[in-house]
C-alpha cells in the first residue's frame, strides 16, 4: 500500500490522467480541453515514470511512529535526522545511507548493503536505533573493523553494537555509550 502513494506514483498517475483526458477531448473535438491537457499531461507522465525508475522506498519502520516520541525528543538530534532520512522516499540512490557507507568504506558499487528495516529502541531509558542491513558484497569482517567508528560517525557519544544474523544480514544497534 505504501508503494502506491510514493511521489513518483502520484506524479505518474496525475500525468496519465491528464493525458487520457486530453486524448478523449481530442477525439471528441474539444480543442480547448485537449490542447492543454495533452501538452501538460505527457511531460508530467514522463517525469513521473522517470521518478519511478530511480525510486528507493523507505526502510521498513518496525516501531510505530508515535510509540517513542518523548524519548526521541530527548535523543541526539542526529538520531532523529537519521531516522527521518531512512524512512522517506529517496530518488537517484542505490541504497539508504549511501554517502555515509561510502565514507565508512562499507560500500560496494555493484552490490551495496541495503537497509531493510529500522527500529527505535529505549532500553533503560536510553534512546537508540537498530538498523538491519542486507550485507550483499560487503563482508561482515569489514563491518566489525569499523564497529568502534560506527557509533561516533552517526552522533557524538553513541556506541555501535553489531549482531550477525542469518541470510547475510546484520543488525547495527546505535545506543548512547555507557560513559556518555
C-alpha atoms as a PDB file:
ATOM      1  CA  UNK A   1       0.000   0.000   0.000  1.00  0.00           C
ATOM      2  CA  UNK A   2       2.870   2.379   0.802  1.00  0.00           C
ATOM      3  CA  UNK A   3       4.269   1.927  -2.739  1.00  0.00           C
ATOM      4  CA  UNK A   4       1.028   3.251  -4.197  1.00  0.00           C
ATOM      5  CA  UNK A   5       1.441   6.638  -2.530  1.00  0.00           C
ATOM      6  CA  UNK A   6       5.055   7.362  -3.420  1.00  0.00           C
ATOM      7  CA  UNK A   7       5.665  10.776  -5.003  1.00  0.00           C
ATOM      8  CA  UNK A   8       6.716   9.049  -8.237  1.00  0.00           C
ATOM      9  CA  UNK A   9       3.448   7.104  -8.360  1.00  0.00           C
ATOM     10  CA  UNK A  10       1.333  10.187  -7.694  1.00  0.00           C
ATOM     11  CA  UNK A  11       3.057  12.206 -10.436  1.00  0.00           C
ATOM     12  CA  UNK A  12       2.748   9.284 -12.875  1.00  0.00           C
ATOM     13  CA  UNK A  13      -0.969   8.840 -12.162  1.00  0.00           C
ATOM     14  CA  UNK A  14      -1.589  12.583 -12.442  1.00  0.00           C
ATOM     15  CA  UNK A  15       0.245  12.804 -15.761  1.00  0.00           C
ATOM     16  CA  UNK A  16      -1.520   9.710 -17.060  1.00  0.00           C
ATOM     17  CA  UNK A  17      -4.922  11.132 -16.101  1.00  0.00           C
ATOM     18  CA  UNK A  18      -4.207  14.439 -17.841  1.00  0.00           C
ATOM     19  CA  UNK A  19      -3.005  12.599 -20.955  1.00  0.00           C
ATOM     20  CA  UNK A  20      -6.123  10.399 -21.086  1.00  0.00           C
ATOM     21  CA  UNK A  21      -8.432  13.390 -20.575  1.00  0.00           C
ATOM     22  CA  UNK A  22      -6.579  15.222 -23.358  1.00  0.00           C
ATOM     23  CA  UNK A  23      -6.784  12.239 -25.726  1.00  0.00           C
ATOM     24  CA  UNK A  24     -10.526  11.836 -25.090  1.00  0.00           C
ATOM     25  CA  UNK A  25     -11.073  15.584 -25.559  1.00  0.00           C
ATOM     26  CA  UNK A  26      -9.109  15.488 -28.819  1.00  0.00           C
ATOM     27  CA  UNK A  27     -11.144  12.528 -30.071  1.00  0.00           C
ATOM     28  CA  UNK A  28     -14.407  14.328 -29.281  1.00  0.00           C
ATOM     29  CA  UNK A  29     -13.308  17.615 -30.858  1.00  0.00           C
ATOM     30  CA  UNK A  30     -12.879  19.684 -27.682  1.00  0.00           C
ATOM     31  CA  UNK A  31      -9.801  21.670 -28.685  1.00  0.00           C
ATOM     32  CA  UNK A  32      -9.945  23.951 -25.629  1.00  0.00           C
ATOM     33  CA  UNK A  33      -9.562  20.965 -23.314  1.00  0.00           C
ATOM     34  CA  UNK A  34      -7.353  18.683 -25.377  1.00  0.00           C
ATOM     35  CA  UNK A  35      -4.518  21.085 -26.091  1.00  0.00           C
ATOM     36  CA  UNK A  36      -3.504  21.988 -22.503  1.00  0.00           C
ATOM     37  CA  UNK A  37      -4.125  18.545 -21.045  1.00  0.00           C
ATOM     38  CA  UNK A  38      -2.032  16.723 -23.663  1.00  0.00           C
ATOM     39  CA  UNK A  39       0.758  19.326 -23.596  1.00  0.00           C
ATOM     40  CA  UNK A  40       0.956  19.186 -19.804  1.00  0.00           C
ATOM     41  CA  UNK A  41      -0.065  15.560 -19.329  1.00  0.00           C
ATOM     42  CA  UNK A  42       2.615  13.870 -21.449  1.00  0.00           C
ATOM     43  CA  UNK A  43       5.620  15.653 -19.843  1.00  0.00           C
ATOM     44  CA  UNK A  44       4.180  15.094 -16.360  1.00  0.00           C
ATOM     45  CA  UNK A  45       3.629  11.407 -17.187  1.00  0.00           C
ATOM     46  CA  UNK A  46       7.212  11.067 -18.451  1.00  0.00           C
ATOM     47  CA  UNK A  47       8.549  12.869 -15.372  1.00  0.00           C
ATOM     48  CA  UNK A  48       6.606  10.515 -13.118  1.00  0.00           C
ATOM     49  CA  UNK A  49       7.941   7.482 -14.976  1.00  0.00           C
ATOM     50  CA  UNK A  50      11.483   8.833 -14.586  1.00  0.00           C
ATOM     51  CA  UNK A  51      10.926   9.222 -10.839  1.00  0.00           C
ATOM     52  CA  UNK A  52       9.549   5.683 -10.599  1.00  0.00           C
ATOM     53  CA  UNK A  53      12.622   4.269 -12.356  1.00  0.00           C
ATOM     54  CA  UNK A  54      15.031   5.799  -9.807  1.00  0.00           C
ATOM     55  CA  UNK A  55      12.892   5.308  -6.697  1.00  0.00           C
ATOM     56  CA  UNK A  56      14.201   3.866  -3.416  1.00  0.00           C
ATOM     57  CA  UNK A  57      11.376   3.072  -0.975  1.00  0.00           C
ATOM     58  CA  UNK A  58      11.701   3.894   2.726  1.00  0.00           C
ATOM     59  CA  UNK A  59      13.145   1.298   5.072  1.00  0.00           C
ATOM     60  CA  UNK A  60      10.520  -0.679   6.941  1.00  0.00           C
ATOM     61  CA  UNK A  61       9.752   1.005  10.249  1.00  0.00           C
ATOM     62  CA  UNK A  62       9.277  -1.652  12.966  1.00  0.00           C
ATOM     63  CA  UNK A  63       8.338   0.727  15.796  1.00  0.00           C
ATOM     64  CA  UNK A  64       5.118   2.732  15.270  1.00  0.00           C
ATOM     65  CA  UNK A  65       5.813   6.393  14.558  1.00  0.00           C
ATOM     66  CA  UNK A  66       4.251   7.709  17.783  1.00  0.00           C
ATOM     67  CA  UNK A  67       5.495   4.965  20.132  1.00  0.00           C
ATOM     68  CA  UNK A  68       8.698   6.606  21.449  1.00  0.00           C
ATOM     69  CA  UNK A  69       8.005  10.262  20.702  1.00  0.00           C
ATOM     70  CA  UNK A  70       9.144  11.585  24.110  1.00  0.00           C
ATOM     71  CA  UNK A  71      12.351   9.531  24.111  1.00  0.00           C
ATOM     72  CA  UNK A  72      13.096  10.649  20.528  1.00  0.00           C
ATOM     73  CA  UNK A  73      12.759  14.314  21.516  1.00  0.00           C
ATOM     74  CA  UNK A  74      15.412  13.890  24.221  1.00  0.00           C
ATOM     75  CA  UNK A  75      17.782  11.899  21.986  1.00  0.00           C
ATOM     76  CA  UNK A  76      20.634  13.413  19.983  1.00  0.00           C
ATOM     77  CA  UNK A  77      19.270  15.372  17.027  1.00  0.00           C
ATOM     78  CA  UNK A  78      21.458  13.303  14.685  1.00  0.00           C
ATOM     79  CA  UNK A  79      19.498  10.133  15.526  1.00  0.00           C
ATOM     80  CA  UNK A  80      16.188  11.830  14.753  1.00  0.00           C
ATOM     81  CA  UNK A  81      17.641  13.098  11.468  1.00  0.00           C
ATOM     82  CA  UNK A  82      18.948   9.604  10.653  1.00  0.00           C
ATOM     83  CA  UNK A  83      15.516   8.090  11.352  1.00  0.00           C
ATOM     84  CA  UNK A  84      13.801  10.678   9.171  1.00  0.00           C
ATOM     85  CA  UNK A  85      16.307  10.161   6.380  1.00  0.00           C
ATOM     86  CA  UNK A  86      15.865   6.389   6.109  1.00  0.00           C
ATOM     87  CA  UNK A  87      12.069   6.438   6.432  1.00  0.00           C
ATOM     88  CA  UNK A  88      11.375   8.653   3.412  1.00  0.00           C
ATOM     89  CA  UNK A  89      11.352   8.102  -0.327  1.00  0.00           C
ATOM     90  CA  UNK A  90      14.735   8.622  -1.997  1.00  0.00           C
ATOM     91  CA  UNK A  91      15.469   9.207  -5.670  1.00  0.00           C
ATOM     92  CA  UNK A  92      18.639   8.546  -7.648  1.00  0.00           C
ATOM     93  CA  UNK A  93      20.364   6.482  -4.950  1.00  0.00           C
ATOM     94  CA  UNK A  94      21.273   2.807  -4.875  1.00  0.00           C
ATOM     95  CA  UNK A  95      20.787   2.409  -1.114  1.00  0.00           C
ATOM     96  CA  UNK A  96      19.850   4.306   2.034  1.00  0.00           C
ATOM     97  CA  UNK A  97      22.795   5.976   3.815  1.00  0.00           C
ATOM     98  CA  UNK A  98      24.812   5.761   0.588  1.00  0.00           C
ATOM     99  CA  UNK A  99      27.186   8.644   1.364  1.00  0.00           C
ATOM    100  CA  UNK A 100      27.635   7.513   4.986  1.00  0.00           C
ATOM    101  CA  UNK A 101      28.511   3.953   3.982  1.00  0.00           C
ATOM    102  CA  UNK A 102      30.911   5.272   1.339  1.00  0.00           C
ATOM    103  CA  UNK A 103      32.653   7.474   3.929  1.00  0.00           C
ATOM    104  CA  UNK A 104      32.934   4.493   6.294  1.00  0.00           C
ATOM    105  CA  UNK A 105      34.335   2.348   3.445  1.00  0.00           C
ATOM    106  CA  UNK A 106      31.413  -0.080   3.808  1.00  0.00           C
ATOM    107  CA  UNK A 107      30.315   0.349   0.209  1.00  0.00           C
ATOM    108  CA  UNK A 108      30.432  -1.804  -2.881  1.00  0.00           C
ATOM    109  CA  UNK A 109      29.487  -0.025  -6.096  1.00  0.00           C
ATOM    110  CA  UNK A 110      27.976  -3.081  -7.783  1.00  0.00           C
ATOM    111  CA  UNK A 111      26.188  -4.670  -4.809  1.00  0.00           C
ATOM    112  CA  UNK A 112      25.948  -2.242  -1.853  1.00  0.00           C
ATOM    113  CA  UNK A 113      24.491  -3.064   1.570  1.00  0.00           C
ATOM    114  CA  UNK A 114      20.743  -2.467   1.724  1.00  0.00           C
ATOM    115  CA  UNK A 115      18.929  -1.103   4.756  1.00  0.00           C
ATOM    116  CA  UNK A 116      15.943  -3.385   5.309  1.00  0.00           C
ATOM    117  CA  UNK A 117      14.350  -2.015   8.478  1.00  0.00           C
ATOM    118  CA  UNK A 118      14.788   0.426  11.317  1.00  0.00           C
ATOM    119  CA  UNK A 119      13.568   0.052  14.877  1.00  0.00           C
ATOM    120  CA  UNK A 120      13.559   2.600  17.682  1.00  0.00           C
ATOM    121  CA  UNK A 121      14.876   1.282  20.994  1.00  0.00           C
ATOM    122  CA  UNK A 122      14.574   2.580  24.528  1.00  0.00           C
ATOM    123  CA  UNK A 123      16.473   0.189  26.825  1.00  0.00           C
ATOM    124  CA  UNK A 124      16.994   1.630  30.304  1.00  0.00           C
ATOM    125  CA  UNK A 125      15.641   4.991  29.155  1.00  0.00           C
ATOM    126  CA  UNK A 126      18.389   5.412  26.538  1.00  0.00           C
ATOM    127  CA  UNK A 127      17.015   6.136  23.083  1.00  0.00           C
ATOM    128  CA  UNK A 128      18.703   4.347  20.212  1.00  0.00           C
ATOM    129  CA  UNK A 129      18.154   2.776  16.810  1.00  0.00           C
ATOM    130  CA  UNK A 130      18.513  -0.700  15.360  1.00  0.00           C
ATOM    131  CA  UNK A 131      19.304  -0.752  11.659  1.00  0.00           C
ATOM    132  CA  UNK A 132      19.050  -4.098   9.861  1.00  0.00           C
ATOM    133  CA  UNK A 133      21.192  -4.393   6.747  1.00  0.00           C
ATOM    134  CA  UNK A 134      21.434  -6.970   3.999  1.00  0.00           C
ATOM    135  CA  UNK A 135      25.228  -7.197   3.669  1.00  0.00           C
ATOM    136  CA  UNK A 136      25.405  -8.131  -0.039  1.00  0.00           C
ATOM    137  CA  UNK A 137      29.020  -7.743  -1.238  1.00  0.00           C
ATOM    138  CA  UNK A 138      30.437  -6.059   1.904  1.00  0.00           C
ATOM    139  CA  UNK A 139      31.734  -8.818   4.206  1.00  0.00           C
ATOM    140  CA  UNK A 140      30.950  -8.956   7.923  1.00  0.00           C
ATOM    141  CA  UNK A 141      34.614  -8.595   8.919  1.00  0.00           C
ATOM    142  CA  UNK A 142      34.734  -5.148   7.259  1.00  0.00           C
ATOM    143  CA  UNK A 143      31.783  -4.062   9.401  1.00  0.00           C
ATOM    144  CA  UNK A 144      33.475  -5.454  12.523  1.00  0.00           C
ATOM    145  CA  UNK A 145      36.666  -3.496  11.711  1.00  0.00           C
ATOM    146  CA  UNK A 146      34.602  -0.278  11.661  1.00  0.00           C
ATOM    147  CA  UNK A 147      32.475  -1.059  14.734  1.00  0.00           C
ATOM    148  CA  UNK A 148      34.195   1.443  17.025  1.00  0.00           C
ATOM    149  CA  UNK A 149      33.900   4.221  14.450  1.00  0.00           C
ATOM    150  CA  UNK A 150      30.275   3.456  13.510  1.00  0.00           C
ATOM    151  CA  UNK A 151      28.741   4.873  16.686  1.00  0.00           C
ATOM    152  CA  UNK A 152      30.826   8.053  16.684  1.00  0.00           C
ATOM    153  CA  UNK A 153      30.139   8.554  12.995  1.00  0.00           C
ATOM    154  CA  UNK A 154      26.384   8.999  13.392  1.00  0.00           C
ATOM    155  CA  UNK A 155      26.410  11.075  16.607  1.00  0.00           C
ATOM    156  CA  UNK A 156      28.769  12.033  19.406  1.00  0.00           C
ATOM    157  CA  UNK A 157      28.509   9.736  22.423  1.00  0.00           C
ATOM    158  CA  UNK A 158      26.990   6.764  20.608  1.00  0.00           C
ATOM    159  CA  UNK A 159      28.228   3.207  20.751  1.00  0.00           C
ATOM    160  CA  UNK A 160      27.652   0.676  17.969  1.00  0.00           C
ATOM    161  CA  UNK A 161      26.842  -2.977  18.539  1.00  0.00           C
ATOM    162  CA  UNK A 162      26.870  -5.452  15.663  1.00  0.00           C
ATOM    163  CA  UNK A 163      24.871  -8.659  15.614  1.00  0.00           C
ATOM    164  CA  UNK A 164      25.300 -11.100  12.757  1.00  0.00           C
ATOM    165  CA  UNK A 165      22.083 -12.747  11.578  1.00  0.00           C
ATOM    166  CA  UNK A 166      21.193 -15.496   9.139  1.00  0.00           C
ATOM    167  CA  UNK A 167      20.900 -14.865   5.380  1.00  0.00           C
ATOM    168  CA  UNK A 168      23.823 -12.398   5.284  1.00  0.00           C
ATOM    169  CA  UNK A 169      22.049  -9.858   7.451  1.00  0.00           C
ATOM    170  CA  UNK A 170      23.430  -7.632  10.184  1.00  0.00           C
ATOM    171  CA  UNK A 171      21.868  -5.588  12.981  1.00  0.00           C
ATOM    172  CA  UNK A 172      23.629  -2.319  13.754  1.00  0.00           C
ATOM    173  CA  UNK A 173      22.439  -1.013  17.123  1.00  0.00           C
ATOM    174  CA  UNK A 174      23.253   2.583  17.982  1.00  0.00           C
ATOM    175  CA  UNK A 175      22.881   3.422  21.690  1.00  0.00           C
ATOM    176  CA  UNK A 176      24.393   6.064  23.989  1.00  0.00           C
ATOM    177  CA  UNK A 177      27.762   4.940  25.336  1.00  0.00           C
ATOM    178  CA  UNK A 178      27.714   3.775  28.955  1.00  0.00           C
ATOM    179  CA  UNK A 179      30.042   6.616  29.986  1.00  0.00           C
ATOM    180  CA  UNK A 180      28.366   9.148  27.622  1.00  0.00           C
END
